[in-house]
C-alpha atoms as a PDB file:
ATOM      1  CA  MET A   1    -168.402-100.606  19.765  1.00  0.00           C
ATOM      2  CA  ILE A   2    -171.418 -98.327  20.161  1.00  0.00           C
ATOM      3  CA  ARG A   3    -173.830 -98.779  23.036  1.00  0.00           C
ATOM      4  CA  THR A   4    -174.963 -95.176  23.471  1.00  0.00           C
ATOM      5  CA  ALA A   5    -177.264 -93.122  21.268  1.00  0.00           C
ATOM      6  CA  TYR A   6    -177.331 -89.344  21.180  1.00  0.00           C
ATOM      7  CA  ILE A   7    -181.012 -88.392  21.237  1.00  0.00           C
ATOM      8  CA  ILE A   8    -182.173 -84.864  20.459  1.00  0.00           C
ATOM      9  CA  SER A   9    -185.193 -84.007  22.576  1.00  0.00           C
ATOM     10  CA  ALA A  10    -186.818 -81.040  24.244  1.00  0.00           C
ATOM     11  CA  LYS A  11    -185.449 -80.572  27.750  1.00  0.00           C
ATOM     12  CA  SER A  12    -188.925 -79.596  28.939  1.00  0.00           C
ATOM     13  CA  ASP A  13    -190.495 -82.900  27.862  1.00  0.00           C
ATOM     14  CA  GLN A  14    -189.245 -85.175  30.625  1.00  0.00           C
ATOM     15  CA  GLN A  15    -192.091 -87.637  30.094  1.00  0.00           C
ATOM     16  CA  LYS A  16    -190.998 -88.192  26.495  1.00  0.00           C
ATOM     17  CA  ARG A  17    -187.435 -88.686  27.681  1.00  0.00           C
ATOM     18  CA  MET A  18    -188.528 -91.417  30.060  1.00  0.00           C
ATOM     19  CA  VAL A  19    -190.297 -93.184  27.180  1.00  0.00           C
ATOM     20  CA  LEU A  20    -187.228 -92.850  24.962  1.00  0.00           C
ATOM     21  CA  GLN A  21    -184.880 -94.094  27.650  1.00  0.00           C
ATOM     22  CA  LYS A  22    -186.925 -97.253  28.128  1.00  0.00           C
ATOM     23  CA  ARG A  23    -187.380 -97.734  24.385  1.00  0.00           C
ATOM     24  CA  PHE A  24    -183.648 -97.643  23.712  1.00  0.00           C
ATOM     25  CA  HIS A  25    -182.703 -99.549  26.853  1.00  0.00           C
ATOM     26  CA  ASP A  26    -184.960-102.390  25.705  1.00  0.00           C
ATOM     27  CA  VAL A  27    -182.813-102.816  22.581  1.00  0.00           C
ATOM     28  CA  GLY A  28    -179.498-102.625  24.432  1.00  0.00           C
ATOM     29  CA  LEU A  29    -178.667 -98.942  24.012  1.00  0.00           C
ATOM     30  CA  ASP A  30    -177.906 -96.315  26.617  1.00  0.00           C
ATOM     31  CA  VAL A  31    -179.066 -92.773  25.975  1.00  0.00           C
ATOM     32  CA  GLN A  32    -177.270 -89.450  26.049  1.00  0.00           C
ATOM     33  CA  PHE A  33    -179.887 -86.737  25.721  1.00  0.00           C
ATOM     34  CA  VAL A  34    -178.972 -83.587  23.838  1.00  0.00           C
ATOM     35  CA  ASP A  35    -181.188 -80.614  24.570  1.00  0.00           C
ATOM     36  CA  ALA A  36    -182.995 -79.603  21.391  1.00  0.00           C
ATOM     37  CA  VAL A  37    -182.319 -76.040  20.286  1.00  0.00           C
ATOM     38  CA  MET A  38    -185.623 -74.180  20.090  1.00  0.00           C
ATOM     39  CA  GLY A  39    -185.375 -71.930  17.064  1.00  0.00           C
ATOM     40  CA  ASN A  40    -188.114 -69.569  18.227  1.00  0.00           C
ATOM     41  CA  GLU A  41    -186.046 -68.767  21.329  1.00  0.00           C
ATOM     42  CA  LEU A  42    -182.932 -67.738  19.405  1.00  0.00           C
ATOM     43  CA  SER A  43    -181.832 -64.156  18.936  1.00  0.00           C
ATOM     44  CA  ALA A  44    -181.116 -62.644  15.532  1.00  0.00           C
ATOM     45  CA  ALA A  45    -177.398 -62.884  16.311  1.00  0.00           C
ATOM     46  CA  GLN A  46    -177.716 -66.625  17.004  1.00  0.00           C
ATOM     47  CA  LYS A  47    -179.501 -67.072  13.667  1.00  0.00           C
ATOM     48  CA  GLN A  48    -176.983 -64.980  11.767  1.00  0.00           C
ATOM     49  CA  ASP A  49    -175.237 -67.813   9.917  1.00  0.00           C
ATOM     50  CA  PHE A  50    -178.581 -68.945   8.496  1.00  0.00           C
ATOM     51  CA  LEU A  51    -179.883 -65.440   7.757  1.00  0.00           C
ATOM     52  CA  ASN A  52    -176.739 -64.617   5.778  1.00  0.00           C
ATOM     53  CA  SER A  53    -176.913 -67.797   3.743  1.00  0.00           C
ATOM     54  CA  ASP A  54    -177.420 -68.230   0.023  1.00  0.00           C
ATOM     55  CA  ARG A  55    -180.670 -70.093   0.658  1.00  0.00           C
ATOM     56  CA  GLN A  56    -182.936 -67.806  -1.379  1.00  0.00           C
ATOM     57  CA  ASN A  57    -180.910 -68.657  -4.473  1.00  0.00           C
ATOM     58  CA  TRP A  58    -181.531 -72.346  -3.800  1.00  0.00           C
ATOM     59  CA  LEU A  59    -184.987 -72.673  -2.261  1.00  0.00           C
ATOM     60  CA  PRO A  60    -188.250 -70.704  -2.553  1.00  0.00           C
ATOM     61  CA  THR A  61    -189.037 -70.819   1.179  1.00  0.00           C
ATOM     62  CA  VAL A  62    -187.513 -69.312   4.300  1.00  0.00           C
ATOM     63  CA  MET A  63    -185.934 -71.747   6.750  1.00  0.00           C
ATOM     64  CA  GLN A  64    -188.346 -71.825   9.649  1.00  0.00           C
ATOM     65  CA  ASP A  65    -187.301 -71.429  13.261  1.00  0.00           C
ATOM     66  CA  ASN A  66    -187.953 -75.065  14.135  1.00  0.00           C
ATOM     67  CA  ALA A  67    -185.882 -76.264  11.180  1.00  0.00           C
ATOM     68  CA  LEU A  68    -183.101 -73.915  12.151  1.00  0.00           C
ATOM     69  CA  GLY A  69    -183.197 -75.201  15.721  1.00  0.00           C
ATOM     70  CA  CYS A  70    -183.219 -78.781  14.454  1.00  0.00           C
ATOM     71  CA  ALA A  71    -180.111 -78.107  12.352  1.00  0.00           C
ATOM     72  CA  LEU A  72    -178.279 -76.519  15.286  1.00  0.00           C
ATOM     73  CA  SER A  73    -179.211 -79.489  17.470  1.00  0.00           C
ATOM     74  CA  HIS A  74    -177.567 -81.863  15.006  1.00  0.00           C
ATOM     75  CA  HIS A  75    -174.567 -79.541  14.686  1.00  0.00           C
ATOM     76  CA  LYS A  76    -174.050 -79.757  18.465  1.00  0.00           C
ATOM     77  CA  ILE A  77    -173.734 -83.522  18.233  1.00  0.00           C
ATOM     78  CA  TRP A  78    -171.463 -83.312  15.196  1.00  0.00           C
ATOM     79  CA  GLU A  79    -169.161 -81.134  17.320  1.00  0.00           C
ATOM     80  CA  GLN A  80    -169.109 -83.737  20.090  1.00  0.00           C
ATOM     81  CA  ILE A  81    -168.300 -86.523  17.632  1.00  0.00           C
ATOM     82  CA  ALA A  82    -165.692 -84.439  15.785  1.00  0.00           C
ATOM     83  CA  HIS A  83    -163.819 -83.665  18.995  1.00  0.00           C
ATOM     84  CA  GLY A  84    -164.481 -86.942  20.796  1.00  0.00           C
ATOM     85  CA  ASP A  85    -162.410 -90.087  21.111  1.00  0.00           C
ATOM     86  CA  GLN A  86    -164.879 -92.427  19.372  1.00  0.00           C
ATOM     87  CA  ASP A  87    -164.742 -93.166  15.647  1.00  0.00           C
ATOM     88  CA  TYR A  88    -168.541 -93.039  15.319  1.00  0.00           C
ATOM     89  CA  GLY A  89    -171.617 -91.578  16.923  1.00  0.00           C
ATOM     90  CA  LEU A  90    -175.221 -92.783  16.723  1.00  0.00           C
ATOM     91  CA  ILE A  91    -177.582 -89.821  16.308  1.00  0.00           C
ATOM     92  CA  CYS A  92    -181.343 -90.053  16.784  1.00  0.00           C
ATOM     93  CA  GLU A  93    -184.224 -87.617  16.820  1.00  0.00           C
ATOM     94  CA  ASP A  94    -186.975 -87.998  19.382  1.00  0.00           C
ATOM     95  CA  ASP A  95    -189.269 -89.791  16.940  1.00  0.00           C
ATOM     96  CA  ALA A  96    -186.818 -92.623  16.157  1.00  0.00           C
ATOM     97  CA  ASN A  97    -188.422 -95.973  16.879  1.00  0.00           C
ATOM     98  CA  PRO A  98    -186.635 -99.368  16.740  1.00  0.00           C
ATOM     99  CA  LEU A  99    -188.379-101.727  14.334  1.00  0.00           C
ATOM    100  CA  PRO A 100    -189.582-104.921  16.051  1.00  0.00           C
ATOM    101  CA  ALA A 101    -188.441-107.180  13.193  1.00  0.00           C
ATOM    102  CA  THR A 102    -184.811-106.041  13.269  1.00  0.00           C
ATOM    103  CA  SER A 103    -184.304-104.469  16.719  1.00  0.00           C
ATOM    104  CA  PRO A 104    -182.954-107.732  18.263  1.00  0.00           C
ATOM    105  CA  TYR A 105    -179.908-107.364  15.989  1.00  0.00           C
ATOM    106  CA  ILE A 106    -179.103-103.693  16.667  1.00  0.00           C
ATOM    107  CA  ALA A 107    -176.089-104.380  18.887  1.00  0.00           C
ATOM    108  CA  ALA A 108    -174.596-107.016  16.572  1.00  0.00           C
ATOM    109  CA  VAL A 109    -175.102-104.893  13.463  1.00  0.00           C
ATOM    110  CA  LEU A 110    -173.607-101.783  15.101  1.00  0.00           C
ATOM    111  CA  ASP A 111    -170.586-103.807  16.218  1.00  0.00           C
ATOM    112  CA  GLN A 112    -170.022-105.003  12.683  1.00  0.00           C
ATOM    113  CA  LEU A 113    -170.521-101.582  11.124  1.00  0.00           C
ATOM    114  CA  THR A 114    -168.162 -99.761  13.466  1.00  0.00           C
ATOM    115  CA  GLY A 115    -165.567-102.524  13.288  1.00  0.00           C
ATOM    116  CA  GLN A 116    -165.117-102.422   9.520  1.00  0.00           C
ATOM    117  CA  ASP A 117    -161.664-101.784   8.106  1.00  0.00           C
ATOM    118  CA  LYS A 118    -163.092 -99.277   5.641  1.00  0.00           C
ATOM    119  CA  PRO A 119    -164.814 -96.409   7.476  1.00  0.00           C
ATOM    120  CA  ILE A 120    -168.402 -95.474   6.701  1.00  0.00           C
ATOM    121  CA  ASP A 121    -169.110 -91.730   6.591  1.00  0.00           C
ATOM    122  CA  ILE A 122    -172.890 -91.401   6.901  1.00  0.00           C
ATOM    123  CA  LEU A 123    -175.114 -94.448   7.305  1.00  0.00           C
ATOM    124  CA  PHE A 124    -178.857 -94.060   7.737  1.00  0.00           C
ATOM    125  CA  LEU A 125    -180.452 -96.722   9.906  1.00  0.00           C
ATOM    126  CA  GLY A 126    -183.965 -95.790   8.794  1.00  0.00           C
ATOM    127  CA  ASN A 127    -185.467 -95.361   5.335  1.00  0.00           C
ATOM    128  CA  ARG A 128    -187.937 -92.536   4.823  1.00  0.00           C
ATOM    129  CA  ARG A 129    -188.372 -93.393   1.133  1.00  0.00           C
ATOM    130  CA  PRO A 130    -189.050 -97.126   0.918  1.00  0.00           C
ATOM    131  CA  ASP A 131    -190.619 -96.557  -2.503  1.00  0.00           C
ATOM    132  CA  ARG A 132    -187.200 -95.683  -3.941  1.00  0.00           C
ATOM    133  CA  LYS A 133    -184.978 -98.552  -4.925  1.00  0.00           C
ATOM    134  CA  ALA A 134    -182.352 -99.593  -2.376  1.00  0.00           C
ATOM    135  CA  ILE A 135    -179.373-100.602  -4.506  1.00  0.00           C
ATOM    136  CA  PRO A 136    -177.057-103.151  -2.822  1.00  0.00           C
ATOM    137  CA  VAL A 137    -173.480-102.015  -2.223  1.00  0.00           C
ATOM    138  CA  CYS A 138    -172.114-104.809  -0.046  1.00  0.00           C
ATOM    139  CA  LEU A 139    -173.457-107.615   2.113  1.00  0.00           C
ATOM    140  CA  LEU A 140    -172.628-107.657   5.816  1.00  0.00           C
ATOM    141  CA  GLU A 141    -171.697-110.818   7.655  1.00  0.00           C
ATOM    142  CA  ARG A 142    -174.816-112.696   8.665  1.00  0.00           C
ATOM    143  CA  VAL A 143    -176.018-111.944  12.208  1.00  0.00           C
ATOM    144  CA  SER A 144    -179.316-113.799  11.876  1.00  0.00           C
ATOM    145  CA  ALA A 145    -180.718-116.734   9.969  1.00  0.00           C
ATOM    146  CA  ASN A 146    -183.765-114.601   9.197  1.00  0.00           C
ATOM    147  CA  HIS A 147    -182.154-111.377   8.014  1.00  0.00           C
ATOM    148  CA  ASP A 148    -179.363-110.480   5.636  1.00  0.00           C
ATOM    149  CA  PHE A 149    -178.197-106.923   6.299  1.00  0.00           C
ATOM    150  CA  ARG A 150    -176.422-104.961   3.621  1.00  0.00           C
ATOM    151  CA  LEU A 151    -175.076-101.518   2.905  1.00  0.00           C
ATOM    152  CA  ALA A 152    -177.237 -99.962   0.228  1.00  0.00           C
ATOM    153  CA  ALA A 153    -177.644 -96.730  -1.683  1.00  0.00           C
ATOM    154  CA  ILE A 154    -181.054 -95.176  -2.264  1.00  0.00           C
ATOM    155  CA  LYS A 155    -181.337 -94.249  -5.927  1.00  0.00           C
ATOM    156  CA  TYR A 156    -180.276 -90.616  -6.371  1.00  0.00           C
ATOM    157  CA  ASN A 157    -180.973 -89.574  -2.766  1.00  0.00           C
ATOM    158  CA  SER A 158    -183.349 -89.903   0.147  1.00  0.00           C
ATOM    159  CA  ILE A 159    -184.451 -87.671   3.033  1.00  0.00           C
ATOM    160  CA  GLY A 160    -184.709 -87.852   6.820  1.00  0.00           C
ATOM    161  CA  ALA A 161    -182.431 -87.702   9.856  1.00  0.00           C
ATOM    162  CA  GLU A 162    -184.335 -89.633  12.494  1.00  0.00           C
ATOM    163  CA  CYS A 163    -181.467 -92.104  13.010  1.00  0.00           C
ATOM    164  CA  TYR A 164    -177.998 -92.276  11.462  1.00  0.00           C
ATOM    165  CA  LEU A 165    -174.458 -93.363  12.167  1.00  0.00           C
ATOM    166  CA  LEU A 166    -171.868 -90.630  11.656  1.00  0.00           C
ATOM    167  CA  SER A 167    -168.101 -91.068  11.561  1.00  0.00           C
ATOM    168  CA  ARG A 168    -165.720 -88.620  13.206  1.00  0.00           C
ATOM    169  CA  HIS A 169    -164.213 -87.913   9.778  1.00  0.00           C
ATOM    170  CA  ALA A 170    -167.642 -87.062   8.332  1.00  0.00           C
ATOM    171  CA  ALA A 171    -168.575 -84.912  11.342  1.00  0.00           C
ATOM    172  CA  ARG A 172    -165.475 -82.804  10.789  1.00  0.00           C
ATOM    173  CA  ALA A 173    -166.199 -82.511   7.067  1.00  0.00           C
ATOM    174  CA  LEU A 174    -169.830 -81.479   7.608  1.00  0.00           C
ATOM    175  CA  LEU A 175    -168.854 -78.819  10.142  1.00  0.00           C
ATOM    176  CA  LYS A 176    -166.682 -77.188   7.469  1.00  0.00           C
ATOM    177  CA  ASN A 177    -169.487 -77.256   4.902  1.00  0.00           C
ATOM    178  CA  ASN A 178    -171.494 -74.030   4.597  1.00  0.00           C
ATOM    179  CA  TYR A 179    -174.406 -75.823   2.955  1.00  0.00           C
ATOM    180  CA  ARG A 180    -175.426 -76.833   6.473  1.00  0.00           C
ATOM    181  CA  TYR A 181    -176.741 -73.264   6.845  1.00  0.00           C
ATOM    182  CA  ILE A 182    -178.695 -73.391   3.581  1.00  0.00           C
ATOM    183  CA  PHE A 183    -180.540 -76.721   3.591  1.00  0.00           C
ATOM    184  CA  GLU A 184    -182.608 -78.417   6.264  1.00  0.00           C
ATOM    185  CA  VAL A 185    -180.405 -80.960   7.993  1.00  0.00           C
ATOM    186  CA  ASP A 186    -182.555 -83.925   6.942  1.00  0.00           C
ATOM    187  CA  CYS A 187    -181.922 -82.961   3.309  1.00  0.00           C
ATOM    188  CA  MET A 188    -178.336 -81.726   3.477  1.00  0.00           C
ATOM    189  CA  LEU A 189    -177.056 -84.997   4.930  1.00  0.00           C
ATOM    190  CA  HIS A 190    -178.358 -86.892   1.886  1.00  0.00           C
ATOM    191  CA  HIS A 191    -177.005 -84.424  -0.681  1.00  0.00           C
ATOM    192  CA  TRP A 192    -173.812 -86.288  -1.526  1.00  0.00           C
ATOM    193  CA  TRP A 193    -173.127 -83.908  -4.419  1.00  0.00           C
ATOM    194  CA  LEU A 194    -172.739 -81.021  -1.927  1.00  0.00           C
ATOM    195  CA  HIS A 195    -170.275 -82.679   0.428  1.00  0.00           C
ATOM    196  CA  SER A 196    -167.446 -85.199   0.216  1.00  0.00           C
ATOM    197  CA  CYS A 197    -169.014 -87.939   2.357  1.00  0.00           C
ATOM    198  CA  HIS A 198    -170.218 -91.411   1.420  1.00  0.00           C
ATOM    199  CA  VAL A 199    -173.980 -91.656   1.996  1.00  0.00           C
ATOM    200  CA  LEU A 200    -175.378 -95.134   2.602  1.00  0.00           C
ATOM    201  CA  HIS A 201    -178.432 -96.850   4.078  1.00  0.00           C
ATOM    202  CA  LEU A 202    -178.708-100.026   6.070  1.00  0.00           C
ATOM    203  CA  ASP A 203    -181.090-102.443   4.384  1.00  0.00           C
ATOM    204  CA  PRO A 204    -183.298-103.614   5.994  1.00  0.00           C
ATOM    205  CA  PRO A 205    -183.495-100.639   8.368  1.00  0.00           C
ATOM    206  CA  LEU A 206    -183.294-100.847  12.150  1.00  0.00           C
ATOM    207  CA  PHE A 207    -185.386 -97.752  12.898  1.00  0.00           C
ATOM    208  CA  ALA A 208    -188.404 -95.872  11.578  1.00  0.00           C
ATOM    209  CA  GLU A 209    -190.243 -92.688  12.453  1.00  0.00           C
ATOM    210  CA  GLU A 210    -192.537 -93.092  15.411  1.00  0.00           C
ATOM    211  CA  GLY A 211    -195.560 -91.709  13.585  1.00  0.00           C
ATOM    212  CA  ARG A 212    -196.397 -89.094  16.194  1.00  0.00           C
ATOM    213  CA  PRO A 213    -195.346 -85.435  15.916  1.00  0.00           C
ATOM    214  CA  SER A 214    -191.744 -84.812  16.876  1.00  0.00           C
ATOM    215  CA  THR A 215    -191.055 -82.046  19.376  1.00  0.00           C
ATOM    216  CA  ILE A 216    -188.136 -80.887  17.219  1.00  0.00           C
ATOM    217  CA  GLY A 217    -189.775 -81.009  13.781  1.00  0.00           C
ATOM    218  CA  TYR A 218    -190.796 -78.049  11.646  1.00  0.00           C
ATOM    219  CA  THR A 219    -193.946 -76.726  10.036  1.00  0.00           C
ATOM    220  CA  HIS A 220    -195.493 -73.504   8.672  1.00  0.00           C
ATOM    221  CA  ILE A 221    -193.285 -73.073   5.629  1.00  0.00           C
ATOM    222  CA  LYS A 222    -193.249 -69.496   4.298  1.00  0.00           C
ATOM    223  CA  SER A 223    -192.178 -68.019   0.984  1.00  0.00           C
ATOM    224  CA  TRP A 224    -189.591 -65.271   0.786  1.00  0.00           C
ATOM    225  CA  PRO A 225    -191.179 -61.842   1.390  1.00  0.00           C
ATOM    226  CA  ARG A 226    -189.080 -60.159  -1.314  1.00  0.00           C
ATOM    227  CA  ASP A 227    -188.511 -62.718  -4.001  1.00  0.00           C
ATOM    228  CA  ARG A 228    -187.152 -61.276  -7.236  1.00  0.00           C
ATOM    229  CA  ILE A 229    -186.873 -62.653 -10.741  1.00  0.00           C
ATOM    230  CA  HIS A 230    -183.097 -63.128 -10.379  1.00  0.00           C
ATOM    231  CA  HIS A 231    -183.702 -65.358  -7.345  1.00  0.00           C
ATOM    232  CA  LYS A 232    -186.156 -67.461  -9.331  1.00  0.00           C
ATOM    233  CA  LEU A 233    -183.784 -67.753 -12.279  1.00  0.00           C
ATOM    234  CA  LYS A 234    -180.921 -68.849 -10.031  1.00  0.00           C
ATOM    235  CA  ARG A 235    -183.154 -71.452  -8.374  1.00  0.00           C
ATOM    236  CA  LYS A 236    -184.291 -72.794 -11.722  1.00  0.00           C
ATOM    237  CA  TRP A 237    -180.711 -73.056 -12.962  1.00  0.00           C
ATOM    238  CA  ARG A 238    -179.617 -74.835  -9.789  1.00  0.00           C
ATOM    239  CA  ARG A 239    -182.543 -77.267  -9.970  1.00  0.00           C
ATOM    240  CA  ILE A 240    -181.582 -78.166 -13.520  1.00  0.00           C
ATOM    241  CA  ARG A 241    -177.904 -78.464 -12.628  1.00  0.00           C
ATOM    242  CA  THR A 242    -178.611 -80.584  -9.539  1.00  0.00           C
ATOM    243  CA  SER A 243    -180.869 -82.893 -11.522  1.00  0.00           C
ATOM    244  CA  TYR A 244    -178.162 -83.280 -14.155  1.00  0.00           C
ATOM    245  CA  ILE A 245    -175.466 -84.009 -11.552  1.00  0.00           C
ATOM    246  CA  LYS A 246    -177.577 -86.631  -9.807  1.00  0.00           C
ATOM    247  CA  ARG A 247    -178.497 -88.473 -12.975  1.00  0.00           C
ATOM    248  CA  ILE A 248    -175.105 -88.289 -14.664  1.00  0.00           C
ATOM    249  CA  HIS A 249    -172.822 -88.789 -11.673  1.00  0.00           C
ATOM    250  CA  TYR A 250    -174.881 -91.221  -9.605  1.00  0.00           C
ATOM    251  CA  PRO A 251    -173.796 -94.357 -11.554  1.00  0.00           C
ATOM    252  CA  ARG A 252    -170.155 -93.362 -10.998  1.00  0.00           C
ATOM    253  CA  VAL A 253    -170.757 -92.722  -7.305  1.00  0.00           C
ATOM    254  CA  LEU A 254    -172.397 -96.130  -6.975  1.00  0.00           C
ATOM    255  CA  LYS A 255    -169.503 -97.789  -8.794  1.00  0.00           C
ATOM    256  CA  ARG A 256    -166.988 -96.130  -6.444  1.00  0.00           C
ATOM    257  CA  LEU A 257    -168.972 -97.201  -3.375  1.00  0.00           C
ATOM    258  CA  ARG A 258    -169.048-100.816  -4.550  1.00  0.00           C
ATOM    259  CA  ALA A 259    -165.338-100.766  -5.336  1.00  0.00           C
ATOM    260  CA  TYR A 260    -164.519 -99.248  -1.948  1.00  0.00           C
ATOM    261  CA  PHE A 261    -166.709-101.484   0.213  1.00  0.00           C
ATOM    262  CA  GLY A 262    -166.736-104.556  -2.002  1.00  0.00           C
END
């Protein structure tokens, strides 16, 4: 049973924390604030894992300080879940907002999700790409006459990390995965072809982005200062390979998910 949400927020923004505490309390959730790591305050040594990454061979832009801090903030919570005594943790960014239509069912849905016999690795409780088809995987037991909740898969992949449920097993797996130093965390979590975790969405979602700027988000994307032709060729090859993997393997992944949870 989950009744506490980890929320990443800037320690300096106490007013925002008061708003978040009330917002989550109103839907039956306690809050455990996790101080956001501010990337622009980190030393070169603290950034070393990211600076030594293979990112330039994957992406044409440098990971910005805010994105790096955001990733480290999530990693901190993964560590707590991995070494904790709970099977799951609920992770939210400071722009996660409960949706009025489904927020009355948050507690009941979380109870059902965390009580399943078959563990869920990564389950997103928001949907940043509503334009992409949500493909049903399995129907949950009805908690409301007005809403049928189901586990779903977004075709190919989605994006976003404003609110997700993470199992202890998945936290441990992600902490062993070096791709967490290469991709922004709100992409890496969805890249099922780069890690061994099931990636699912709750449909309909319980949360959405607030719509106002997050204090832990990232902007000002910059290209690599010394980008060579071999970097560009590697990126092109990896784009082609990733596209092939997603399109060829996705039907099999979906079939396995349905067989496992069905």
